[in-house]
Amino acid sequence: MVVFGSIVSLSGLLILLFRTAPLGGMSPAVVGWVLLPLGLVFAVLGVLRNRRKRAQQGPGPVGNPITRLKALPRLWKTWRSGQYPELPRSQVLMWAVALVYLVSPIDVLPEFLPVIGVTDDAGVLVWLLSSLSVASGSYLRWEKSHGDTARGIEAP
């Protein structure tokens, strides 16, 4: 979220400094002044979220991005069979809603608005990927604690 906010703010700043032609019928100054604080809000929220997560000091997700990606099919299969209760049904529903939103032609912010039009899709995509990464990392931790030696994972 910090990176996303930084990119949005930087886009707003660059539009303010270098763009003179209208963007989707809107003044570049308006677009720039909207994106700049919006990105800063996202960045600050990301920093606060990261601090809160560090303060909780619970067991974190494990595995690198490749291992987490490989664990997603196992996570899905184990969750569907009812053996993995740590993944709430609401989380899976939110993933489905995010996927439908990304592929549907209906958007909160239309795509014909330059820069602004893709920010809602980018935000949903960033959330979806980070949520899947955290969930698969937590699943790997759960898998390790249950000693699933069939996958080559030993119990601690």
N, C-alpha and C. Protein backbone atom coordinates (compact mmCIF):
# COMPACT_ATOMS: atom_id res chain seq x y z
N MET A 1 0.83 -1.18 0.00
CA MET A 1 0.00 0.00 0.00
C MET A 1 0.88 1.25 0.00
N VAL A 2 2.02 1.17 0.65
CA VAL A 2 2.94 2.30 0.65
C VAL A 2 3.46 2.54 -0.76
N VAL A 3 3.82 1.46 -1.46
CA VAL A 3 4.34 1.60 -2.82
C VAL A 3 3.25 2.13 -3.75
N PHE A 4 2.04 1.60 -3.63
CA PHE A 4 0.94 2.07 -4.46
C PHE A 4 0.68 3.55 -4.23
N GLY A 5 0.64 3.98 -2.97
CA GLY A 5 0.43 5.38 -2.64
C GLY A 5 1.53 6.27 -3.19
N SER A 6 2.75 5.78 -3.12
CA SER A 6 3.88 6.55 -3.65
C SER A 6 3.77 6.73 -5.15
N ILE A 7 3.35 5.66 -5.84
CA ILE A 7 3.21 5.74 -7.30
C ILE A 7 2.10 6.71 -7.68
N VAL A 8 0.99 6.67 -6.96
CA VAL A 8 -0.12 7.58 -7.25
C VAL A 8 0.30 9.03 -7.00
N SER A 9 0.99 9.27 -5.89
CA SER A 9 1.47 10.63 -5.59
C SER A 9 2.47 11.12 -6.61
N LEU A 10 3.39 10.25 -7.00
CA LEU A 10 4.38 10.63 -8.01
C LEU A 10 3.71 10.94 -9.33
N SER A 11 2.68 10.14 -9.68
CA SER A 11 1.93 10.42 -10.92
C SER A 11 1.28 11.80 -10.86
N GLY A 12 0.68 12.12 -9.72
CA GLY A 12 0.06 13.43 -9.56
C GLY A 12 1.08 14.55 -9.69
N LEU A 13 2.23 14.36 -9.08
CA LEU A 13 3.28 15.38 -9.14
C LEU A 13 3.78 15.57 -10.57
N LEU A 14 4.01 14.45 -11.27
CA LEU A 14 4.48 14.55 -12.65
C LEU A 14 3.45 15.21 -13.55
N ILE A 15 2.19 14.93 -13.32
CA ILE A 15 1.12 15.57 -14.11
C ILE A 15 1.12 17.07 -13.84
N LEU A 16 1.26 17.45 -12.58
CA LEU A 16 1.30 18.88 -12.25
C LEU A 16 2.48 19.59 -12.91
N LEU A 17 3.63 18.92 -12.94
CA LEU A 17 4.83 19.57 -13.45
C LEU A 17 4.94 19.58 -14.97
N PHE A 18 4.51 18.49 -15.62
CA PHE A 18 4.83 18.35 -17.03
C PHE A 18 3.64 18.30 -17.98
N ARG A 19 2.45 18.08 -17.51
CA ARG A 19 1.31 17.90 -18.40
C ARG A 19 0.62 19.24 -18.64
N THR A 20 0.33 19.52 -19.91
CA THR A 20 -0.39 20.75 -20.24
C THR A 20 -1.72 20.47 -20.92
N ALA A 21 -1.82 19.34 -21.60
CA ALA A 21 -3.07 18.99 -22.30
C ALA A 21 -4.08 18.41 -21.31
N PRO A 22 -5.35 18.59 -21.58
CA PRO A 22 -6.38 18.03 -20.70
C PRO A 22 -6.31 16.50 -20.63
N LEU A 23 -6.71 15.96 -19.52
CA LEU A 23 -6.75 14.50 -19.31
C LEU A 23 -8.20 14.08 -19.18
N GLY A 24 -8.73 13.44 -20.21
CA GLY A 24 -10.12 13.01 -20.17
C GLY A 24 -11.09 14.15 -20.00
N GLY A 25 -10.75 15.30 -20.56
CA GLY A 25 -11.61 16.46 -20.46
C GLY A 25 -11.42 17.25 -19.17
N MET A 26 -10.49 16.81 -18.33
CA MET A 26 -10.24 17.50 -17.06
C MET A 26 -8.90 18.22 -17.12
N SER A 27 -8.81 19.29 -16.39
CA SER A 27 -7.58 20.07 -16.32
C SER A 27 -6.48 19.23 -15.66
N PRO A 28 -5.25 19.29 -16.18
CA PRO A 28 -4.15 18.56 -15.55
C PRO A 28 -3.91 18.99 -14.11
N ALA A 29 -4.20 20.25 -13.82
CA ALA A 29 -4.02 20.73 -12.45
C ALA A 29 -4.98 20.03 -11.50
N VAL A 30 -6.22 19.85 -11.92
CA VAL A 30 -7.21 19.16 -11.09
C VAL A 30 -6.79 17.72 -10.87
N VAL A 31 -6.40 17.04 -11.95
CA VAL A 31 -6.01 15.64 -11.85
C VAL A 31 -4.79 15.51 -10.93
N GLY A 32 -3.81 16.36 -11.13
CA GLY A 32 -2.60 16.32 -10.31
C GLY A 32 -2.89 16.58 -8.84
N TRP A 33 -3.71 17.59 -8.56
CA TRP A 33 -4.02 17.92 -7.17
C TRP A 33 -4.93 16.89 -6.51
N VAL A 34 -5.63 16.09 -7.28
CA VAL A 34 -6.42 14.99 -6.71
C VAL A 34 -5.52 13.80 -6.42
N LEU A 35 -4.65 13.46 -7.38
CA LEU A 35 -3.80 12.29 -7.21
C LEU A 35 -2.74 12.47 -6.13
N LEU A 36 -2.17 13.64 -6.02
CA LEU A 36 -1.10 13.88 -5.04
C LEU A 36 -1.54 13.59 -3.61
N PRO A 37 -2.59 14.20 -3.09
CA PRO A 37 -2.99 13.88 -1.71
C PRO A 37 -3.58 12.48 -1.57
N LEU A 38 -4.26 12.01 -2.62
CA LEU A 38 -4.81 10.66 -2.56
C LEU A 38 -3.70 9.63 -2.37
N GLY A 39 -2.63 9.78 -3.10
CA GLY A 39 -1.48 8.88 -2.95
C GLY A 39 -0.84 9.00 -1.59
N LEU A 40 -0.76 10.21 -1.07
CA LEU A 40 -0.19 10.39 0.27
C LEU A 40 -1.03 9.71 1.33
N VAL A 41 -2.35 9.77 1.17
CA VAL A 41 -3.24 9.09 2.12
C VAL A 41 -3.00 7.59 2.08
N PHE A 42 -2.89 7.01 0.88
CA PHE A 42 -2.61 5.58 0.76
C PHE A 42 -1.27 5.22 1.40
N ALA A 43 -0.26 6.05 1.17
CA ALA A 43 1.06 5.76 1.72
C ALA A 43 1.04 5.81 3.25
N VAL A 44 0.39 6.81 3.81
CA VAL A 44 0.30 6.93 5.27
C VAL A 44 -0.48 5.76 5.85
N LEU A 45 -1.58 5.39 5.22
CA LEU A 45 -2.35 4.23 5.69
C LEU A 45 -1.51 2.96 5.64
N GLY A 46 -0.69 2.82 4.61
CA GLY A 46 0.19 1.66 4.50
C GLY A 46 1.21 1.62 5.61
N VAL A 47 1.80 2.77 5.93
CA VAL A 47 2.78 2.83 7.02
C VAL A 47 2.11 2.47 8.35
N LEU A 48 0.93 3.03 8.59
CA LEU A 48 0.22 2.73 9.84
C LEU A 48 -0.15 1.25 9.92
N ARG A 49 -0.57 0.68 8.80
CA ARG A 49 -0.90 -0.75 8.77
C ARG A 49 0.33 -1.61 9.06
N ASN A 50 1.47 -1.24 8.49
CA ASN A 50 2.70 -1.99 8.74
C ASN A 50 3.12 -1.90 10.20
N ARG A 51 2.99 -0.74 10.80
CA ARG A 51 3.33 -0.59 12.22
C ARG A 51 2.42 -1.43 13.10
N ARG A 52 1.14 -1.45 12.78
CA ARG A 52 0.18 -2.25 13.55
C ARG A 52 0.51 -3.74 13.45
N LYS A 53 0.87 -4.19 12.28
CA LYS A 53 1.22 -5.60 12.09
C LYS A 53 2.47 -5.97 12.88
N ARG A 54 3.45 -5.07 12.88
CA ARG A 54 4.68 -5.34 13.66
C ARG A 54 4.39 -5.38 15.15
N ALA A 55 3.46 -4.53 15.59
CA ALA A 55 3.14 -4.48 17.02
C ALA A 55 2.42 -5.74 17.48
N GLN A 56 1.70 -6.40 16.60
CA GLN A 56 0.97 -7.61 16.97
C GLN A 56 1.92 -8.76 17.27
N GLN A 57 3.03 -8.82 16.61
CA GLN A 57 4.09 -9.80 16.82
C GLN A 57 3.59 -11.24 16.85
N GLY A 58 2.59 -11.54 16.07
CA GLY A 58 2.11 -12.92 15.96
C GLY A 58 2.98 -13.67 14.98
N PRO A 59 2.77 -14.98 14.87
CA PRO A 59 3.55 -15.73 13.88
C PRO A 59 3.18 -15.28 12.48
N GLY A 60 4.16 -14.91 11.72
CA GLY A 60 3.90 -14.38 10.39
C GLY A 60 3.88 -15.47 9.34
N PRO A 61 3.52 -15.09 8.14
CA PRO A 61 3.52 -16.04 7.03
C PRO A 61 4.94 -16.49 6.72
N VAL A 62 5.07 -17.65 6.10
CA VAL A 62 6.38 -18.16 5.73
C VAL A 62 6.43 -18.39 4.23
N GLY A 63 7.64 -18.58 3.73
CA GLY A 63 7.83 -18.91 2.32
C GLY A 63 8.12 -17.70 1.46
N ASN A 64 8.83 -17.98 0.37
CA ASN A 64 9.11 -16.92 -0.59
C ASN A 64 7.96 -16.84 -1.61
N PRO A 65 7.94 -15.85 -2.47
CA PRO A 65 6.80 -15.70 -3.39
C PRO A 65 6.55 -16.92 -4.29
N ILE A 66 7.59 -17.59 -4.72
CA ILE A 66 7.42 -18.76 -5.59
C ILE A 66 6.77 -19.90 -4.80
N THR A 67 7.25 -20.14 -3.58
CA THR A 67 6.67 -21.20 -2.75
C THR A 67 5.22 -20.89 -2.42
N ARG A 68 4.94 -19.63 -2.16
CA ARG A 68 3.56 -19.24 -1.86
C ARG A 68 2.66 -19.44 -3.07
N LEU A 69 3.16 -19.11 -4.25
CA LEU A 69 2.38 -19.31 -5.48
C LEU A 69 2.09 -20.79 -5.69
N LYS A 70 3.09 -21.63 -5.46
CA LYS A 70 2.91 -23.07 -5.61
C LYS A 70 1.95 -23.63 -4.57
N ALA A 71 1.82 -22.97 -3.43
CA ALA A 71 0.95 -23.45 -2.35
C ALA A 71 -0.52 -23.11 -2.58
N LEU A 72 -0.81 -22.17 -3.47
CA LEU A 72 -2.21 -21.76 -3.68
C LEU A 72 -3.15 -22.90 -4.08
N PRO A 73 -2.77 -23.78 -5.02
CA PRO A 73 -3.68 -24.89 -5.33
C PRO A 73 -3.91 -25.82 -4.14
N ARG A 74 -2.87 -26.07 -3.35
CA ARG A 74 -3.02 -26.91 -2.15
C ARG A 74 -3.91 -26.22 -1.14
N LEU A 75 -3.73 -24.90 -0.99
CA LEU A 75 -4.58 -24.13 -0.08
C LEU A 75 -6.04 -24.26 -0.49
N TRP A 76 -6.32 -24.08 -1.77
CA TRP A 76 -7.69 -24.17 -2.26
C TRP A 76 -8.27 -25.55 -2.00
N LYS A 77 -7.49 -26.59 -2.33
CA LYS A 77 -7.98 -27.97 -2.17
C LYS A 77 -8.22 -28.29 -0.70
N THR A 78 -7.31 -27.90 0.17
CA THR A 78 -7.45 -28.18 1.60
C THR A 78 -8.61 -27.39 2.18
N TRP A 79 -8.78 -26.14 1.76
CA TRP A 79 -9.90 -25.33 2.26
C TRP A 79 -11.23 -25.91 1.81
N ARG A 80 -11.31 -26.33 0.53
CA ARG A 80 -12.56 -26.90 0.01
C ARG A 80 -12.93 -28.20 0.72
N SER A 81 -11.93 -28.97 1.13
CA SER A 81 -12.21 -30.23 1.82
C SER A 81 -12.58 -30.01 3.28
N GLY A 82 -12.40 -28.79 3.78
CA GLY A 82 -12.76 -28.48 5.16
C GLY A 82 -11.66 -28.76 6.16
N GLN A 83 -10.48 -29.12 5.69
CA GLN A 83 -9.37 -29.43 6.59
C GLN A 83 -8.62 -28.18 7.05
N TYR A 84 -8.80 -27.06 6.37
CA TYR A 84 -8.09 -25.82 6.71
C TYR A 84 -9.11 -24.76 7.13
N PRO A 85 -9.43 -24.71 8.42
CA PRO A 85 -10.48 -23.80 8.89
C PRO A 85 -10.01 -22.35 9.10
N GLU A 86 -8.71 -22.09 8.98
CA GLU A 86 -8.20 -20.75 9.27
C GLU A 86 -8.53 -19.72 8.19
N LEU A 87 -8.95 -20.18 7.03
CA LEU A 87 -9.31 -19.26 5.95
C LEU A 87 -10.83 -19.04 5.98
N PRO A 88 -11.27 -17.84 6.33
CA PRO A 88 -12.71 -17.60 6.41
C PRO A 88 -13.36 -17.58 5.02
N ARG A 89 -14.59 -18.01 4.99
CA ARG A 89 -15.36 -18.02 3.74
C ARG A 89 -15.48 -16.59 3.18
N SER A 90 -15.56 -15.60 4.07
CA SER A 90 -15.68 -14.21 3.61
C SER A 90 -14.45 -13.77 2.83
N GLN A 91 -13.28 -14.28 3.21
CA GLN A 91 -12.05 -13.93 2.50
C GLN A 91 -12.09 -14.48 1.07
N VAL A 92 -12.51 -15.70 0.93
CA VAL A 92 -12.61 -16.31 -0.40
C VAL A 92 -13.65 -15.56 -1.24
N LEU A 93 -14.74 -15.15 -0.61
CA LEU A 93 -15.76 -14.37 -1.31
C LEU A 93 -15.19 -13.03 -1.79
N MET A 94 -14.38 -12.39 -0.95
CA MET A 94 -13.77 -11.11 -1.35
C MET A 94 -12.80 -11.31 -2.51
N TRP A 95 -12.08 -12.42 -2.54
CA TRP A 95 -11.20 -12.72 -3.68
C TRP A 95 -12.02 -12.87 -4.95
N ALA A 96 -13.14 -13.57 -4.85
CA ALA A 96 -14.00 -13.77 -6.02
C ALA A 96 -14.56 -12.43 -6.52
N VAL A 97 -14.99 -11.58 -5.59
CA VAL A 97 -15.52 -10.26 -5.96
C VAL A 97 -14.42 -9.43 -6.64
N ALA A 98 -13.20 -9.50 -6.11
CA ALA A 98 -12.09 -8.76 -6.70
C ALA A 98 -11.80 -9.25 -8.12
N LEU A 99 -11.82 -10.55 -8.32
CA LEU A 99 -11.58 -11.09 -9.67
C LEU A 99 -12.67 -10.65 -10.64
N VAL A 100 -13.92 -10.72 -10.20
CA VAL A 100 -15.03 -10.30 -11.06
C VAL A 100 -14.89 -8.81 -11.39
N TYR A 101 -14.52 -8.00 -10.39
CA TYR A 101 -14.36 -6.56 -10.63
C TYR A 101 -13.26 -6.29 -11.64
N LEU A 102 -12.16 -7.03 -11.54
CA LEU A 102 -11.04 -6.80 -12.45
C LEU A 102 -11.37 -7.17 -13.89
N VAL A 103 -12.18 -8.20 -14.10
CA VAL A 103 -12.47 -8.62 -15.47
C VAL A 103 -13.75 -7.99 -16.02
N SER A 104 -14.55 -7.40 -15.17
CA SER A 104 -15.81 -6.82 -15.66
C SER A 104 -15.56 -5.47 -16.33
N PRO A 105 -16.40 -5.13 -17.29
CA PRO A 105 -16.25 -3.84 -17.96
C PRO A 105 -16.80 -2.68 -17.13
N ILE A 106 -17.48 -2.96 -16.03
CA ILE A 106 -18.05 -1.92 -15.19
C ILE A 106 -17.02 -1.53 -14.14
N ASP A 107 -16.72 -0.24 -14.05
CA ASP A 107 -15.72 0.27 -13.12
C ASP A 107 -16.28 1.42 -12.30
N VAL A 108 -15.71 1.62 -11.12
CA VAL A 108 -16.06 2.77 -10.31
C VAL A 108 -15.53 4.03 -11.00
N LEU A 109 -14.28 3.96 -11.46
CA LEU A 109 -13.68 5.04 -12.23
C LEU A 109 -13.47 4.54 -13.66
N PRO A 110 -14.13 5.13 -14.65
CA PRO A 110 -14.02 4.63 -16.03
C PRO A 110 -12.59 4.67 -16.56
N GLU A 111 -12.27 3.72 -17.42
CA GLU A 111 -10.91 3.59 -17.96
C GLU A 111 -10.53 4.74 -18.88
N PHE A 112 -11.51 5.44 -19.44
CA PHE A 112 -11.15 6.51 -20.38
C PHE A 112 -10.54 7.73 -19.67
N LEU A 113 -10.61 7.77 -18.34
CA LEU A 113 -9.93 8.84 -17.60
C LEU A 113 -8.48 8.44 -17.41
N PRO A 114 -7.55 9.12 -18.06
CA PRO A 114 -6.15 8.72 -17.97
C PRO A 114 -5.66 8.76 -16.51
N VAL A 115 -4.82 7.86 -16.17
CA VAL A 115 -4.21 7.68 -14.86
C VAL A 115 -5.25 7.34 -13.79
N ILE A 116 -6.26 8.18 -13.63
CA ILE A 116 -7.26 7.95 -12.59
C ILE A 116 -8.07 6.69 -12.91
N GLY A 117 -8.33 6.44 -14.19
CA GLY A 117 -9.17 5.33 -14.59
C GLY A 117 -8.61 3.96 -14.24
N VAL A 118 -7.31 3.85 -14.19
CA VAL A 118 -6.71 2.55 -13.87
C VAL A 118 -6.34 2.41 -12.40
N THR A 119 -6.45 3.49 -11.63
CA THR A 119 -6.03 3.39 -10.22
C THR A 119 -6.94 2.48 -9.41
N ASP A 120 -8.24 2.47 -9.70
CA ASP A 120 -9.11 1.58 -8.94
C ASP A 120 -8.79 0.12 -9.25
N ASP A 121 -8.54 -0.18 -10.53
CA ASP A 121 -8.16 -1.55 -10.89
C ASP A 121 -6.81 -1.92 -10.28
N ALA A 122 -5.87 -0.99 -10.31
CA ALA A 122 -4.55 -1.26 -9.73
C ALA A 122 -4.65 -1.50 -8.23
N GLY A 123 -5.47 -0.72 -7.55
CA GLY A 123 -5.65 -0.90 -6.11
C GLY A 123 -6.26 -2.25 -5.78
N VAL A 124 -7.26 -2.66 -6.55
CA VAL A 124 -7.89 -3.96 -6.32
C VAL A 124 -6.89 -5.08 -6.60
N LEU A 125 -6.11 -4.93 -7.66
CA LEU A 125 -5.11 -5.95 -8.00
C LEU A 125 -4.03 -6.06 -6.93
N VAL A 126 -3.55 -4.93 -6.44
CA VAL A 126 -2.54 -4.94 -5.38
C VAL A 126 -3.10 -5.61 -4.13
N TRP A 127 -4.34 -5.27 -3.77
CA TRP A 127 -4.95 -5.90 -2.59
C TRP A 127 -5.09 -7.40 -2.80
N LEU A 128 -5.57 -7.81 -3.97
CA LEU A 128 -5.78 -9.23 -4.24
C LEU A 128 -4.48 -10.01 -4.17
N LEU A 129 -3.44 -9.52 -4.80
CA LEU A 129 -2.16 -10.23 -4.80
C LEU A 129 -1.55 -10.29 -3.39
N SER A 130 -1.63 -9.19 -2.66
CA SER A 130 -1.06 -9.21 -1.31
C SER A 130 -1.88 -10.11 -0.38
N SER A 131 -3.18 -10.11 -0.54
CA SER A 131 -4.04 -10.96 0.29
C SER A 131 -3.79 -12.43 0.00
N LEU A 132 -3.65 -12.78 -1.28
CA LEU A 132 -3.35 -14.16 -1.64
C LEU A 132 -1.97 -14.57 -1.12
N SER A 133 -1.02 -13.66 -1.18
CA SER A 133 0.32 -13.96 -0.69
C SER A 133 0.33 -14.22 0.81
N VAL A 134 -0.34 -13.38 1.56
CA VAL A 134 -0.41 -13.56 3.01
C VAL A 134 -1.14 -14.85 3.36
N ALA A 135 -2.25 -15.12 2.67
CA ALA A 135 -3.02 -16.33 2.96
C ALA A 135 -2.22 -17.58 2.64
N SER A 136 -1.51 -17.59 1.53
CA SER A 136 -0.72 -18.78 1.19
C SER A 136 0.47 -18.93 2.12
N GLY A 137 1.05 -17.81 2.58
CA GLY A 137 2.14 -17.89 3.56
C GLY A 137 1.64 -18.43 4.89
N SER A 138 0.46 -18.01 5.30
CA SER A 138 -0.13 -18.54 6.53
C SER A 138 -0.47 -20.02 6.37
N TYR A 139 -0.92 -20.39 5.18
CA TYR A 139 -1.21 -21.80 4.92
C TYR A 139 0.08 -22.63 5.01
N LEU A 140 1.18 -22.11 4.47
CA LEU A 140 2.45 -22.84 4.56
C LEU A 140 2.87 -23.02 6.01
N ARG A 141 2.66 -21.99 6.84
CA ARG A 141 2.96 -22.11 8.27
C ARG A 141 2.08 -23.18 8.90
N TRP A 142 0.79 -23.19 8.56
CA TRP A 142 -0.15 -24.19 9.08
C TRP A 142 0.26 -25.59 8.61
N GLU A 143 0.63 -25.69 7.34
CA GLU A 143 1.05 -26.97 6.78
C GLU A 143 2.28 -27.50 7.50
N LYS A 144 3.21 -26.59 7.79
CA LYS A 144 4.44 -26.97 8.49
C LYS A 144 4.13 -27.42 9.92
N SER A 145 3.23 -26.73 10.59
CA SER A 145 2.90 -27.08 11.97
C SER A 145 2.15 -28.41 12.07
N HIS A 146 1.50 -28.81 10.98
CA HIS A 146 0.79 -30.08 10.96
C HIS A 146 1.66 -31.22 10.43
N GLY A 147 2.92 -30.90 10.08
CA GLY A 147 3.87 -31.93 9.69
C GLY A 147 3.47 -32.70 8.45
N ASP A 148 3.12 -32.00 7.40
CA ASP A 148 2.73 -32.65 6.15
C ASP A 148 3.99 -33.12 5.43
N THR A 149 4.47 -34.31 5.79
CA THR A 149 5.72 -34.81 5.22
C THR A 149 5.55 -35.26 3.77
N ALA A 150 4.33 -35.43 3.31
CA ALA A 150 4.11 -35.79 1.91
C ALA A 150 4.58 -34.67 0.98
N ARG A 151 4.58 -33.45 1.46
CA ARG A 151 5.03 -32.30 0.67
C ARG A 151 6.50 -31.96 0.97
N GLY A 152 7.12 -32.75 1.82
CA GLY A 152 8.52 -32.47 2.16
C GLY A 152 8.66 -31.42 3.22
N ILE A 153 7.61 -31.15 3.96
CA ILE A 153 7.65 -30.14 5.00
C ILE A 153 7.66 -30.86 6.33
N GLU A 154 8.66 -30.57 7.11
CA GLU A 154 8.77 -31.24 8.41
C GLU A 154 8.18 -30.38 9.51
N ALA A 155 7.69 -31.04 10.53
CA ALA A 155 7.15 -30.31 11.68
C ALA A 155 8.28 -29.64 12.42
N PRO A 156 8.03 -28.49 13.06
CA PRO A 156 9.09 -27.77 13.75
C PRO A 156 9.62 -28.55 14.94
